[in-house]
Amino acid sequence: MIIDEMRGEKSINQIINEWLWSKAVGDGADRVADSLRPALALMDDADREEFVASAITVVEALTRAGRRQRRKG
């Protein structure tokens, strides 16, 4: 069984948690977050905070631009 093979590497709770998350079907935001997690894990705290702040700024700018487009259209 997969759990028995991985027992020495990870806790059973961690294995189950990762499996459940891999089976969950999320929206686009979930997929973006899932793709960013490995990169964020490689960063130190300061770089991670800087990246997150920059990403939020970009998302806010895109949201404002989308609102302006809807008002014009």
C-alpha atoms as a PDB file:
ATOM      1  CA  MET A   1       0.000   0.000   0.000  1.00  0.00           C
ATOM      2  CA  ILE A   2       1.205   3.526  -0.748  1.00  0.00           C
ATOM      3  CA  ILE A   3       0.952   4.629   2.871  1.00  0.00           C
ATOM      4  CA  ASP A   4       3.118   1.733   4.055  1.00  0.00           C
ATOM      5  CA  GLU A   5       5.771   2.560   1.442  1.00  0.00           C
ATOM      6  CA  MET A   6       5.976   6.214   2.504  1.00  0.00           C
ATOM      7  CA  ARG A   7       5.630   5.690   6.234  1.00  0.00           C
ATOM      8  CA  GLY A   8       9.298   6.469   6.996  1.00  0.00           C
ATOM      9  CA  GLU A   9       9.314   9.661   4.936  1.00  0.00           C
ATOM     10  CA  LYS A  10       6.137  11.451   6.005  1.00  0.00           C
ATOM     11  CA  SER A  11       3.531  11.162   8.711  1.00  0.00           C
ATOM     12  CA  ILE A  12       0.338   9.372   7.793  1.00  0.00           C
ATOM     13  CA  ASN A  13      -1.625  12.579   8.466  1.00  0.00           C
ATOM     14  CA  GLN A  14       0.591  14.486   6.031  1.00  0.00           C
ATOM     15  CA  ILE A  15       0.188  11.781   3.381  1.00  0.00           C
ATOM     16  CA  ILE A  16      -3.584  11.742   3.781  1.00  0.00           C
ATOM     17  CA  ASN A  17      -3.757  15.535   3.758  1.00  0.00           C
ATOM     18  CA  GLU A  18      -1.702  15.780   0.556  1.00  0.00           C
ATOM     19  CA  TRP A  19      -3.795  13.086  -1.089  1.00  0.00           C
ATOM     20  CA  LEU A  20      -7.074  14.788  -0.163  1.00  0.00           C
ATOM     21  CA  TRP A  21      -5.863  18.143  -1.443  1.00  0.00           C
ATOM     22  CA  SER A  22      -4.695  16.533  -4.684  1.00  0.00           C
ATOM     23  CA  LYS A  23      -8.205  15.132  -5.190  1.00  0.00           C
ATOM     24  CA  ALA A  24     -10.059  18.352  -4.386  1.00  0.00           C
ATOM     25  CA  VAL A  25     -11.343  20.223  -7.389  1.00  0.00           C
ATOM     26  CA  GLY A  26     -10.962  23.931  -6.855  1.00  0.00           C
ATOM     27  CA  ASP A  27     -11.505  27.056  -8.838  1.00  0.00           C
ATOM     28  CA  GLY A  28      -8.884  29.026 -10.747  1.00  0.00           C
ATOM     29  CA  ALA A  29      -7.685  30.758  -7.590  1.00  0.00           C
ATOM     30  CA  ASP A  30      -7.005  27.371  -5.997  1.00  0.00           C
ATOM     31  CA  ARG A  31      -5.017  26.246  -9.032  1.00  0.00           C
ATOM     32  CA  VAL A  32      -2.940  29.439  -9.006  1.00  0.00           C
ATOM     33  CA  ALA A  33      -2.288  29.085  -5.272  1.00  0.00           C
ATOM     34  CA  ASP A  34      -1.313  25.434  -5.706  1.00  0.00           C
ATOM     35  CA  SER A  35       1.159  26.312  -8.428  1.00  0.00           C
ATOM     36  CA  LEU A  36       2.722  29.092  -6.323  1.00  0.00           C
ATOM     37  CA  ARG A  37       3.179  27.100  -3.102  1.00  0.00           C
ATOM     38  CA  PRO A  38       6.360  25.261  -4.184  1.00  0.00           C
ATOM     39  CA  ALA A  39       8.033  28.500  -5.305  1.00  0.00           C
ATOM     40  CA  LEU A  40       6.988  30.323  -2.143  1.00  0.00           C
ATOM     41  CA  ALA A  41       8.342  27.474  -0.012  1.00  0.00           C
ATOM     42  CA  LEU A  42      11.791  28.032  -1.506  1.00  0.00           C
ATOM     43  CA  MET A  43      11.846  31.714  -0.498  1.00  0.00           C
ATOM     44  CA  ASP A  44      12.918  33.127   2.815  1.00  0.00           C
ATOM     45  CA  ASP A  45      10.348  35.078   4.839  1.00  0.00           C
ATOM     46  CA  ALA A  46      11.390  38.516   3.533  1.00  0.00           C
ATOM     47  CA  ASP A  47      11.352  37.467  -0.140  1.00  0.00           C
ATOM     48  CA  ARG A  48       8.038  35.670   0.342  1.00  0.00           C
ATOM     49  CA  GLU A  49       6.429  38.753   1.907  1.00  0.00           C
ATOM     50  CA  GLU A  50       7.787  40.973  -0.873  1.00  0.00           C
ATOM     51  CA  PHE A  51       6.491  38.598  -3.539  1.00  0.00           C
ATOM     52  CA  VAL A  52       3.064  38.327  -1.937  1.00  0.00           C
ATOM     53  CA  ALA A  53       2.765  42.116  -1.592  1.00  0.00           C
ATOM     54  CA  SER A  54       3.756  42.570  -5.248  1.00  0.00           C
ATOM     55  CA  ALA A  55       1.338  39.879  -6.414  1.00  0.00           C
ATOM     56  CA  ILE A  56      -1.500  41.494  -4.478  1.00  0.00           C
ATOM     57  CA  THR A  57      -0.661  44.863  -6.062  1.00  0.00           C
ATOM     58  CA  VAL A  58      -0.833  43.291  -9.531  1.00  0.00           C
ATOM     59  CA  VAL A  59      -4.150  41.562  -8.801  1.00  0.00           C
ATOM     60  CA  GLU A  60      -5.628  44.803  -7.455  1.00  0.00           C
ATOM     61  CA  ALA A  61      -4.489  46.666 -10.587  1.00  0.00           C
ATOM     62  CA  LEU A  62      -6.042  44.014 -12.830  1.00  0.00           C
ATOM     63  CA  THR A  63      -9.270  44.191 -10.833  1.00  0.00           C
ATOM     64  CA  ARG A  64      -9.421  47.988 -11.200  1.00  0.00           C
ATOM     65  CA  ALA A  65      -8.736  47.724 -14.942  1.00  0.00           C
ATOM     66  CA  GLY A  66     -11.503  45.138 -15.285  1.00  0.00           C
ATOM     67  CA  ARG A  67     -13.963  47.414 -13.506  1.00  0.00           C
ATOM     68  CA  ARG A  68     -13.081  50.296 -15.832  1.00  0.00           C
ATOM     69  CA  GLN A  69     -13.577  48.056 -18.871  1.00  0.00           C
ATOM     70  CA  ARG A  70     -17.030  46.986 -17.664  1.00  0.00           C
ATOM     71  CA  ARG A  71     -18.085  50.608 -17.091  1.00  0.00           C
ATOM     72  CA  LYS A  72     -17.057  51.577 -20.625  1.00  0.00           C
ATOM     73  CA  GLY A  73     -18.684  48.524 -22.241  1.00  0.00           C
END
